[in-house]
């Protein structure tokens, strides 16, 4: 977040991304290679250094303060295009929700009774909503059928 806000003032990447859905579609088209995703994840983990929990907490504190004082319409420069902070923040909430924040916090599989877990449960609705908006129309139906127990998802199914 810090880097993307700073980069937006220095350079404009190709393409404007007005919505979180546009961001994920562009990411799927340009940055979805599984090996590259894995390597970016490893690099990000290594960048946390010898004390990853402490470093992550410090980053979270800095970014929280930065977002608090940054206008919602401030430009954010992502690897797949430029967007506003208002449009970019839901992509971060989505990523935190779907990439094991519950596990990272050491919460049980059903975290609803824990205060931090309850906050994550509160994020599930917006995450599912964003998945629905990202998905192709036929995939929306397949996803709904699976959620209500009326069908199974095909192998390799993903809205991302």
N, C-alpha and C. Protein backbone atom coordinates (compact mmCIF):
# COMPACT_ATOMS: atom_id res chain seq x y z
N UNK A 1 0.83 -1.17 0.00
CA UNK A 1 0.00 0.00 0.00
C UNK A 1 0.88 1.25 0.00
N UNK A 2 1.87 1.24 0.88
CA UNK A 2 2.77 2.41 0.93
C UNK A 2 3.44 2.64 -0.42
N UNK A 3 3.98 1.58 -0.99
CA UNK A 3 4.68 1.70 -2.27
C UNK A 3 3.74 2.11 -3.39
N UNK A 4 2.55 1.55 -3.41
CA UNK A 4 1.60 1.85 -4.49
C UNK A 4 1.11 3.29 -4.41
N UNK A 5 0.90 3.81 -3.21
CA UNK A 5 0.51 5.22 -3.07
C UNK A 5 1.65 6.13 -3.49
N UNK A 6 2.87 5.80 -3.08
CA UNK A 6 4.03 6.62 -3.44
C UNK A 6 4.29 6.57 -4.94
N UNK A 7 4.16 5.40 -5.54
CA UNK A 7 4.42 5.26 -6.98
C UNK A 7 3.40 6.03 -7.82
N UNK A 8 2.19 6.19 -7.31
CA UNK A 8 1.15 6.88 -8.07
C UNK A 8 1.50 8.34 -8.30
N UNK A 9 2.27 8.92 -7.41
CA UNK A 9 2.65 10.31 -7.61
C UNK A 9 3.83 10.43 -8.55
N UNK A 10 4.56 9.34 -8.74
CA UNK A 10 5.76 9.39 -9.58
C UNK A 10 5.50 8.98 -11.02
N UNK A 11 4.63 8.01 -11.23
CA UNK A 11 4.42 7.50 -12.58
C UNK A 11 3.01 6.96 -12.73
N UNK A 12 2.53 6.96 -13.93
CA UNK A 12 1.21 6.42 -14.21
C UNK A 12 1.35 5.14 -15.03
N UNK A 13 0.95 3.99 -14.46
CA UNK A 13 1.00 2.76 -15.24
C UNK A 13 -0.09 2.77 -16.31
N UNK A 14 0.00 1.84 -17.20
CA UNK A 14 -1.00 1.75 -18.26
C UNK A 14 -2.33 1.32 -17.69
N UNK A 15 -3.37 1.96 -18.11
CA UNK A 15 -4.72 1.53 -17.77
C UNK A 15 -5.27 2.07 -16.48
N UNK A 16 -6.51 2.47 -16.55
CA UNK A 16 -7.24 2.91 -15.37
C UNK A 16 -8.15 1.76 -14.93
N UNK A 17 -8.25 1.58 -13.64
CA UNK A 17 -9.07 0.50 -13.08
C UNK A 17 -10.10 1.12 -12.14
N UNK A 18 -11.31 1.38 -12.61
CA UNK A 18 -12.28 2.08 -11.78
C UNK A 18 -12.86 1.26 -10.63
N UNK A 19 -12.83 -0.07 -10.71
CA UNK A 19 -13.47 -0.89 -9.68
C UNK A 19 -12.55 -2.02 -9.21
N UNK A 20 -12.85 -2.58 -8.04
CA UNK A 20 -12.10 -3.76 -7.60
C UNK A 20 -12.21 -4.92 -8.59
N UNK A 21 -13.37 -5.07 -9.22
CA UNK A 21 -13.54 -6.13 -10.20
C UNK A 21 -12.57 -5.95 -11.36
N UNK A 22 -12.41 -4.70 -11.82
CA UNK A 22 -11.48 -4.43 -12.92
C UNK A 22 -10.05 -4.80 -12.52
N UNK A 23 -9.70 -4.50 -11.26
CA UNK A 23 -8.37 -4.85 -10.76
C UNK A 23 -8.14 -6.36 -10.83
N UNK A 24 -9.11 -7.14 -10.33
CA UNK A 24 -8.92 -8.59 -10.32
C UNK A 24 -8.94 -9.18 -11.72
N UNK A 25 -9.74 -8.63 -12.60
CA UNK A 25 -9.73 -9.12 -13.99
C UNK A 25 -8.38 -8.84 -14.64
N UNK A 26 -7.84 -7.64 -14.40
CA UNK A 26 -6.53 -7.30 -14.97
C UNK A 26 -5.44 -8.17 -14.35
N UNK A 27 -5.53 -8.42 -13.07
CA UNK A 27 -4.56 -9.28 -12.39
C UNK A 27 -4.62 -10.70 -12.96
N UNK A 28 -5.84 -11.21 -13.15
CA UNK A 28 -6.01 -12.55 -13.72
C UNK A 28 -5.38 -12.62 -15.11
N UNK A 29 -5.54 -11.56 -15.88
CA UNK A 29 -5.03 -11.55 -17.25
C UNK A 29 -3.51 -11.40 -17.32
N UNK A 30 -2.92 -10.70 -16.33
CA UNK A 30 -1.49 -10.35 -16.45
C UNK A 30 -0.58 -10.98 -15.41
N UNK A 31 -1.10 -11.30 -14.24
CA UNK A 31 -0.21 -11.73 -13.15
C UNK A 31 -0.60 -13.06 -12.51
N UNK A 32 -1.34 -13.89 -13.19
CA UNK A 32 -1.89 -15.09 -12.57
C UNK A 32 -1.04 -16.34 -12.70
N UNK A 33 0.13 -16.26 -13.30
CA UNK A 33 0.97 -17.45 -13.42
C UNK A 33 1.27 -18.00 -12.03
N UNK A 34 0.89 -19.25 -11.74
CA UNK A 34 1.05 -19.80 -10.39
C UNK A 34 2.48 -19.74 -9.86
N UNK A 35 3.45 -19.99 -10.70
CA UNK A 35 4.84 -19.94 -10.24
C UNK A 35 5.23 -18.52 -9.85
N UNK A 36 4.83 -17.55 -10.66
CA UNK A 36 5.14 -16.15 -10.35
C UNK A 36 4.43 -15.71 -9.07
N UNK A 37 3.19 -16.15 -8.88
CA UNK A 37 2.45 -15.82 -7.66
C UNK A 37 3.19 -16.39 -6.45
N UNK A 38 3.61 -17.65 -6.54
CA UNK A 38 4.34 -18.29 -5.45
C UNK A 38 5.63 -17.52 -5.14
N UNK A 39 6.36 -17.14 -6.17
CA UNK A 39 7.62 -16.42 -5.96
C UNK A 39 7.39 -15.05 -5.34
N UNK A 40 6.34 -14.36 -5.76
CA UNK A 40 6.03 -13.06 -5.14
C UNK A 40 5.69 -13.24 -3.67
N UNK A 41 4.96 -14.31 -3.36
CA UNK A 41 4.63 -14.59 -1.96
C UNK A 41 5.86 -14.89 -1.13
N UNK A 42 6.76 -15.68 -1.68
CA UNK A 42 8.02 -15.98 -0.97
C UNK A 42 8.84 -14.72 -0.76
N UNK A 43 8.95 -13.91 -1.81
CA UNK A 43 9.72 -12.67 -1.70
C UNK A 43 9.13 -11.76 -0.63
N UNK A 44 7.80 -11.67 -0.61
CA UNK A 44 7.15 -10.83 0.40
C UNK A 44 7.42 -11.36 1.80
N UNK A 45 7.37 -12.68 1.96
CA UNK A 45 7.67 -13.28 3.25
C UNK A 45 9.10 -13.04 3.69
N UNK A 46 10.04 -13.19 2.76
CA UNK A 46 11.44 -12.95 3.08
C UNK A 46 11.70 -11.49 3.42
N UNK A 47 10.97 -10.59 2.78
CA UNK A 47 11.15 -9.16 3.05
C UNK A 47 10.76 -8.78 4.48
N UNK A 48 10.01 -9.66 5.15
CA UNK A 48 9.63 -9.39 6.54
C UNK A 48 10.79 -9.62 7.50
N UNK A 49 11.86 -10.25 7.04
CA UNK A 49 13.08 -10.37 7.83
C UNK A 49 13.02 -11.40 8.93
N UNK A 50 13.88 -11.19 9.93
CA UNK A 50 14.06 -12.15 11.02
C UNK A 50 12.88 -12.18 12.00
N UNK A 51 12.11 -11.11 12.05
CA UNK A 51 11.00 -11.01 12.99
C UNK A 51 9.73 -10.67 12.23
N UNK A 52 9.20 -11.64 11.47
CA UNK A 52 8.09 -11.34 10.57
C UNK A 52 6.83 -10.82 11.27
N UNK A 53 6.49 -11.34 12.44
CA UNK A 53 5.29 -10.86 13.13
C UNK A 53 5.44 -9.40 13.51
N UNK A 54 6.59 -9.06 14.06
CA UNK A 54 6.84 -7.68 14.47
C UNK A 54 6.84 -6.76 13.25
N UNK A 55 7.52 -7.16 12.20
CA UNK A 55 7.59 -6.35 10.99
C UNK A 55 6.21 -6.17 10.38
N UNK A 56 5.42 -7.25 10.33
CA UNK A 56 4.07 -7.16 9.77
C UNK A 56 3.21 -6.22 10.61
N UNK A 57 3.34 -6.29 11.93
CA UNK A 57 2.57 -5.39 12.80
C UNK A 57 2.98 -3.93 12.58
N UNK A 58 4.27 -3.69 12.42
CA UNK A 58 4.74 -2.33 12.16
C UNK A 58 4.21 -1.80 10.83
N UNK A 59 4.23 -2.65 9.81
CA UNK A 59 3.70 -2.26 8.50
C UNK A 59 2.21 -1.96 8.62
N UNK A 60 1.48 -2.83 9.32
CA UNK A 60 0.04 -2.63 9.48
C UNK A 60 -0.25 -1.30 10.18
N UNK A 61 0.53 -0.97 11.21
CA UNK A 61 0.35 0.31 11.91
C UNK A 61 0.61 1.48 10.98
N UNK A 62 1.70 1.42 10.23
CA UNK A 62 2.04 2.51 9.30
C UNK A 62 0.97 2.69 8.23
N UNK A 63 0.56 1.57 7.65
CA UNK A 63 -0.42 1.64 6.57
C UNK A 63 -1.77 2.13 7.09
N UNK A 64 -2.15 1.70 8.28
CA UNK A 64 -3.40 2.18 8.86
C UNK A 64 -3.37 3.69 9.03
N UNK A 65 -2.26 4.21 9.54
CA UNK A 65 -2.13 5.67 9.69
C UNK A 65 -2.15 6.35 8.33
N UNK A 66 -1.44 5.78 7.36
CA UNK A 66 -1.38 6.36 6.02
C UNK A 66 -2.76 6.41 5.38
N UNK A 67 -3.49 5.32 5.45
CA UNK A 67 -4.82 5.27 4.84
C UNK A 67 -5.76 6.26 5.53
N UNK A 68 -5.62 6.40 6.83
CA UNK A 68 -6.47 7.32 7.58
C UNK A 68 -6.33 8.76 7.11
N UNK A 69 -5.13 9.16 6.73
CA UNK A 69 -4.89 10.56 6.34
C UNK A 69 -4.88 10.77 4.82
N UNK A 70 -5.06 9.72 4.05
CA UNK A 70 -5.02 9.83 2.60
C UNK A 70 -6.45 9.97 2.06
N UNK A 71 -6.69 10.94 1.17
CA UNK A 71 -8.03 11.09 0.59
C UNK A 71 -8.46 9.83 -0.17
N UNK A 72 -9.73 9.53 -0.12
CA UNK A 72 -10.27 8.34 -0.78
C UNK A 72 -10.04 8.34 -2.28
N UNK A 73 -9.95 9.53 -2.87
CA UNK A 73 -9.74 9.59 -4.32
C UNK A 73 -8.27 9.71 -4.71
N UNK A 74 -7.37 9.50 -3.74
CA UNK A 74 -5.93 9.53 -4.04
C UNK A 74 -5.60 8.40 -5.01
N UNK A 75 -4.67 8.66 -5.96
CA UNK A 75 -4.31 7.61 -6.91
C UNK A 75 -3.42 6.54 -6.28
N UNK A 76 -3.64 5.32 -6.71
CA UNK A 76 -2.84 4.17 -6.29
C UNK A 76 -2.31 3.52 -7.57
N UNK A 77 -1.01 3.30 -7.62
CA UNK A 77 -0.39 2.70 -8.80
C UNK A 77 -0.09 1.23 -8.53
N UNK A 78 -0.87 0.34 -9.13
CA UNK A 78 -0.69 -1.10 -8.94
C UNK A 78 0.07 -1.68 -10.13
N UNK A 79 0.54 -2.90 -10.03
CA UNK A 79 1.23 -3.52 -11.18
C UNK A 79 0.36 -3.69 -12.42
N UNK A 80 -0.96 -3.60 -12.26
CA UNK A 80 -1.85 -3.81 -13.40
C UNK A 80 -2.61 -2.55 -13.82
N UNK A 81 -2.34 -1.44 -13.18
CA UNK A 81 -3.00 -0.19 -13.56
C UNK A 81 -3.22 0.73 -12.39
N UNK A 82 -3.72 1.88 -12.71
CA UNK A 82 -3.94 2.93 -11.71
C UNK A 82 -5.40 2.94 -11.29
N UNK A 83 -5.62 3.17 -9.99
CA UNK A 83 -6.98 3.24 -9.46
C UNK A 83 -6.99 4.16 -8.26
N UNK A 84 -8.17 4.45 -7.73
CA UNK A 84 -8.24 5.27 -6.53
C UNK A 84 -8.07 4.39 -5.29
N UNK A 85 -7.70 5.03 -4.20
CA UNK A 85 -7.58 4.32 -2.94
C UNK A 85 -8.93 3.68 -2.58
N UNK A 86 -10.01 4.41 -2.80
CA UNK A 86 -11.36 3.90 -2.51
C UNK A 86 -11.62 2.58 -3.25
N UNK A 87 -11.18 2.48 -4.49
CA UNK A 87 -11.39 1.26 -5.27
C UNK A 87 -10.39 0.16 -4.90
N UNK A 88 -9.19 0.55 -4.47
CA UNK A 88 -8.14 -0.42 -4.17
C UNK A 88 -8.34 -1.10 -2.81
N UNK A 89 -8.81 -0.39 -1.81
CA UNK A 89 -8.93 -0.96 -0.47
C UNK A 89 -9.77 -2.24 -0.43
N UNK A 90 -10.88 -2.33 -1.15
CA UNK A 90 -11.61 -3.60 -1.12
C UNK A 90 -10.80 -4.79 -1.66
N UNK A 91 -9.86 -4.53 -2.54
CA UNK A 91 -9.03 -5.63 -3.04
C UNK A 91 -8.12 -6.15 -1.94
N UNK A 92 -7.65 -5.28 -1.07
CA UNK A 92 -6.80 -5.70 0.04
C UNK A 92 -7.62 -6.44 1.09
N UNK A 93 -8.81 -5.93 1.40
CA UNK A 93 -9.68 -6.62 2.36
C UNK A 93 -10.01 -8.02 1.84
N UNK A 94 -10.28 -8.12 0.55
CA UNK A 94 -10.57 -9.41 -0.07
C UNK A 94 -9.38 -10.35 0.08
N UNK A 95 -8.20 -9.88 -0.25
CA UNK A 95 -7.01 -10.74 -0.17
C UNK A 95 -6.77 -11.21 1.26
N UNK A 96 -6.92 -10.31 2.23
CA UNK A 96 -6.73 -10.71 3.62
C UNK A 96 -7.77 -11.74 4.05
N UNK A 97 -8.98 -11.57 3.56
CA UNK A 97 -10.05 -12.50 3.92
C UNK A 97 -9.80 -13.88 3.34
N UNK A 98 -9.43 -13.95 2.07
CA UNK A 98 -9.34 -15.25 1.41
C UNK A 98 -8.00 -15.95 1.55
N UNK A 99 -6.99 -15.26 2.00
CA UNK A 99 -5.66 -15.89 2.07
C UNK A 99 -5.26 -16.28 3.48
N UNK A 100 -6.20 -16.83 4.21
CA UNK A 100 -5.85 -17.46 5.47
C UNK A 100 -5.58 -16.54 6.63
N UNK A 101 -6.25 -15.39 6.68
CA UNK A 101 -6.05 -14.51 7.82
C UNK A 101 -6.44 -15.22 9.11
N UNK A 102 -7.47 -16.04 9.04
CA UNK A 102 -7.89 -16.80 10.21
C UNK A 102 -6.73 -17.66 10.71
N UNK A 103 -6.07 -18.35 9.79
CA UNK A 103 -4.93 -19.20 10.19
C UNK A 103 -3.76 -18.36 10.66
N UNK A 104 -3.52 -17.24 9.98
CA UNK A 104 -2.39 -16.39 10.36
C UNK A 104 -2.56 -15.86 11.77
N UNK A 105 -3.80 -15.64 12.18
CA UNK A 105 -4.05 -15.15 13.53
C UNK A 105 -4.14 -16.27 14.55
N UNK A 106 -4.03 -17.52 14.08
CA UNK A 106 -4.10 -18.65 14.99
C UNK A 106 -5.49 -18.88 15.55
N UNK A 107 -6.52 -18.51 14.78
CA UNK A 107 -7.89 -18.67 15.24
C UNK A 107 -8.40 -20.06 14.85
N UNK A 108 -9.45 -20.51 15.52
CA UNK A 108 -10.03 -21.81 15.16
C UNK A 108 -10.67 -21.75 13.77
N UNK A 109 -10.99 -22.93 13.21
CA UNK A 109 -11.61 -22.98 11.89
C UNK A 109 -12.93 -22.23 11.83
N UNK A 110 -13.65 -22.17 12.94
CA UNK A 110 -14.89 -21.41 13.01
C UNK A 110 -14.65 -20.28 14.00
N UNK A 111 -14.13 -19.14 13.54
CA UNK A 111 -13.66 -18.10 14.45
C UNK A 111 -14.73 -17.14 14.94
N UNK A 112 -16.00 -17.39 14.69
CA UNK A 112 -17.04 -16.40 14.97
C UNK A 112 -17.10 -15.99 16.44
N UNK A 113 -16.72 -16.87 17.38
CA UNK A 113 -16.78 -16.53 18.79
C UNK A 113 -15.64 -15.66 19.27
N UNK A 114 -14.60 -15.53 18.51
CA UNK A 114 -13.43 -14.73 18.86
C UNK A 114 -13.61 -13.33 18.26
N UNK A 115 -13.20 -12.27 18.99
CA UNK A 115 -13.44 -10.91 18.48
C UNK A 115 -12.72 -10.65 17.16
N UNK A 116 -11.46 -11.09 17.04
CA UNK A 116 -10.75 -10.91 15.77
C UNK A 116 -11.40 -11.79 14.71
N UNK A 117 -11.80 -12.98 15.10
CA UNK A 117 -12.46 -13.88 14.16
C UNK A 117 -13.80 -13.33 13.69
N UNK A 118 -14.53 -12.68 14.60
CA UNK A 118 -15.81 -12.09 14.22
C UNK A 118 -15.62 -11.02 13.16
N UNK A 119 -14.53 -10.27 13.26
CA UNK A 119 -14.24 -9.25 12.24
C UNK A 119 -14.00 -9.90 10.89
N UNK A 120 -13.34 -11.05 10.90
CA UNK A 120 -13.09 -11.76 9.65
C UNK A 120 -14.40 -12.30 9.09
N UNK A 121 -15.24 -12.85 9.96
CA UNK A 121 -16.54 -13.34 9.51
C UNK A 121 -17.32 -12.20 8.87
N UNK A 122 -17.22 -11.00 9.43
CA UNK A 122 -17.89 -9.83 8.85
C UNK A 122 -17.39 -9.53 7.44
N UNK A 123 -16.17 -9.93 7.12
CA UNK A 123 -15.59 -9.68 5.79
C UNK A 123 -16.03 -10.71 4.75
N UNK A 124 -16.62 -11.81 5.18
CA UNK A 124 -16.98 -12.87 4.24
C UNK A 124 -18.03 -12.42 3.24
N UNK A 125 -19.04 -11.69 3.69
CA UNK A 125 -20.09 -11.21 2.78
C UNK A 125 -19.52 -10.36 1.66
N UNK A 126 -18.74 -9.31 2.00
CA UNK A 126 -18.13 -8.52 0.93
C UNK A 126 -17.21 -9.34 0.03
N UNK A 127 -16.51 -10.33 0.59
CA UNK A 127 -15.61 -11.15 -0.23
C UNK A 127 -16.41 -11.99 -1.22
N UNK A 128 -17.50 -12.59 -0.76
CA UNK A 128 -18.34 -13.38 -1.66
C UNK A 128 -18.99 -12.48 -2.71
N UNK A 129 -19.42 -11.29 -2.30
CA UNK A 129 -20.01 -10.34 -3.24
C UNK A 129 -19.00 -9.97 -4.33
N UNK A 130 -17.77 -9.69 -3.94
CA UNK A 130 -16.74 -9.35 -4.92
C UNK A 130 -16.47 -10.53 -5.86
N UNK A 131 -16.43 -11.74 -5.32
CA UNK A 131 -16.25 -12.92 -6.18
C UNK A 131 -17.37 -13.00 -7.22
N UNK A 132 -18.57 -12.71 -6.79
CA UNK A 132 -19.71 -12.75 -7.71
C UNK A 132 -19.55 -11.72 -8.82
N UNK A 133 -19.09 -10.54 -8.47
CA UNK A 133 -18.93 -9.48 -9.48
C UNK A 133 -17.77 -9.77 -10.42
N UNK A 134 -16.75 -10.46 -9.94
CA UNK A 134 -15.59 -10.79 -10.77
C UNK A 134 -15.93 -11.91 -11.76
N UNK A 135 -16.73 -12.85 -11.31
CA UNK A 135 -17.00 -14.07 -12.08
C UNK A 135 -17.74 -13.79 -13.38
N UNK A 136 -17.47 -14.63 -14.36
CA UNK A 136 -18.25 -14.62 -15.60
C UNK A 136 -19.68 -15.07 -15.25
N UNK A 137 -20.68 -14.63 -16.01
CA UNK A 137 -22.07 -14.99 -15.69
C UNK A 137 -22.31 -16.49 -15.47
N UNK A 138 -21.77 -17.34 -16.30
CA UNK A 138 -21.98 -18.79 -16.13
C UNK A 138 -21.32 -19.28 -14.84
N UNK A 139 -20.19 -18.68 -14.48
CA UNK A 139 -19.50 -19.09 -13.25
C UNK A 139 -20.27 -18.64 -12.01
N UNK A 140 -20.99 -17.53 -12.11
CA UNK A 140 -21.80 -17.07 -10.97
C UNK A 140 -22.84 -18.13 -10.62
N UNK A 141 -23.48 -18.67 -11.64
CA UNK A 141 -24.51 -19.68 -11.42
C UNK A 141 -23.89 -20.95 -10.83
N UNK A 142 -22.75 -21.37 -11.36
CA UNK A 142 -22.08 -22.57 -10.84
C UNK A 142 -21.70 -22.37 -9.38
N UNK A 143 -21.19 -21.18 -9.05
CA UNK A 143 -20.81 -20.89 -7.67
C UNK A 143 -22.00 -20.90 -6.73
N UNK A 144 -23.10 -20.30 -7.15
CA UNK A 144 -24.31 -20.29 -6.33
C UNK A 144 -24.83 -21.72 -6.12
N UNK A 145 -24.87 -22.50 -7.18
CA UNK A 145 -25.34 -23.89 -7.06
C UNK A 145 -24.48 -24.66 -6.06
N UNK A 146 -23.17 -24.44 -6.08
CA UNK A 146 -22.28 -25.13 -5.13
C UNK A 146 -22.53 -24.65 -3.71
N UNK A 147 -22.72 -23.35 -3.53
CA UNK A 147 -22.96 -22.80 -2.18
C UNK A 147 -24.23 -23.35 -1.55
N UNK A 148 -25.25 -23.60 -2.37
CA UNK A 148 -26.52 -24.08 -1.81
C UNK A 148 -26.66 -25.60 -1.89
N UNK A 149 -25.58 -26.29 -2.25
CA UNK A 149 -25.59 -27.74 -2.27
C UNK A 149 -26.34 -28.35 -3.44
N UNK A 150 -26.48 -27.61 -4.51
CA UNK A 150 -27.21 -28.11 -5.69
C UNK A 150 -26.29 -28.50 -6.84
N UNK A 151 -25.00 -28.53 -6.58
CA UNK A 151 -24.06 -28.90 -7.61
C UNK A 151 -22.65 -28.83 -7.09
N UNK A 152 -21.73 -29.33 -7.88
CA UNK A 152 -20.31 -29.27 -7.51
C UNK A 152 -19.59 -28.39 -8.51
N UNK A 153 -18.53 -27.79 -8.04
CA UNK A 153 -17.73 -26.96 -8.94
C UNK A 153 -16.85 -27.86 -9.80
N UNK A 154 -16.66 -27.48 -11.05
CA UNK A 154 -15.78 -28.29 -11.91
C UNK A 154 -14.34 -28.21 -11.43
N UNK A 155 -13.52 -29.22 -11.75
CA UNK A 155 -12.10 -29.18 -11.37
C UNK A 155 -11.44 -27.90 -11.88
N UNK A 156 -10.65 -27.28 -11.02
CA UNK A 156 -9.92 -26.07 -11.40
C UNK A 156 -10.76 -24.81 -11.40
N UNK A 157 -12.00 -24.88 -10.94
CA UNK A 157 -12.89 -23.71 -10.94
C UNK A 157 -12.29 -22.58 -10.12
N UNK A 158 -12.33 -21.39 -10.65
CA UNK A 158 -11.90 -20.19 -9.93
C UNK A 158 -12.48 -18.97 -10.62
N UNK A 159 -12.93 -18.01 -9.83
CA UNK A 159 -13.36 -16.75 -10.43
C UNK A 159 -12.18 -15.82 -10.60
N UNK A 160 -11.07 -16.16 -9.98
CA UNK A 160 -9.86 -15.37 -10.14
C UNK A 160 -9.08 -15.96 -11.25
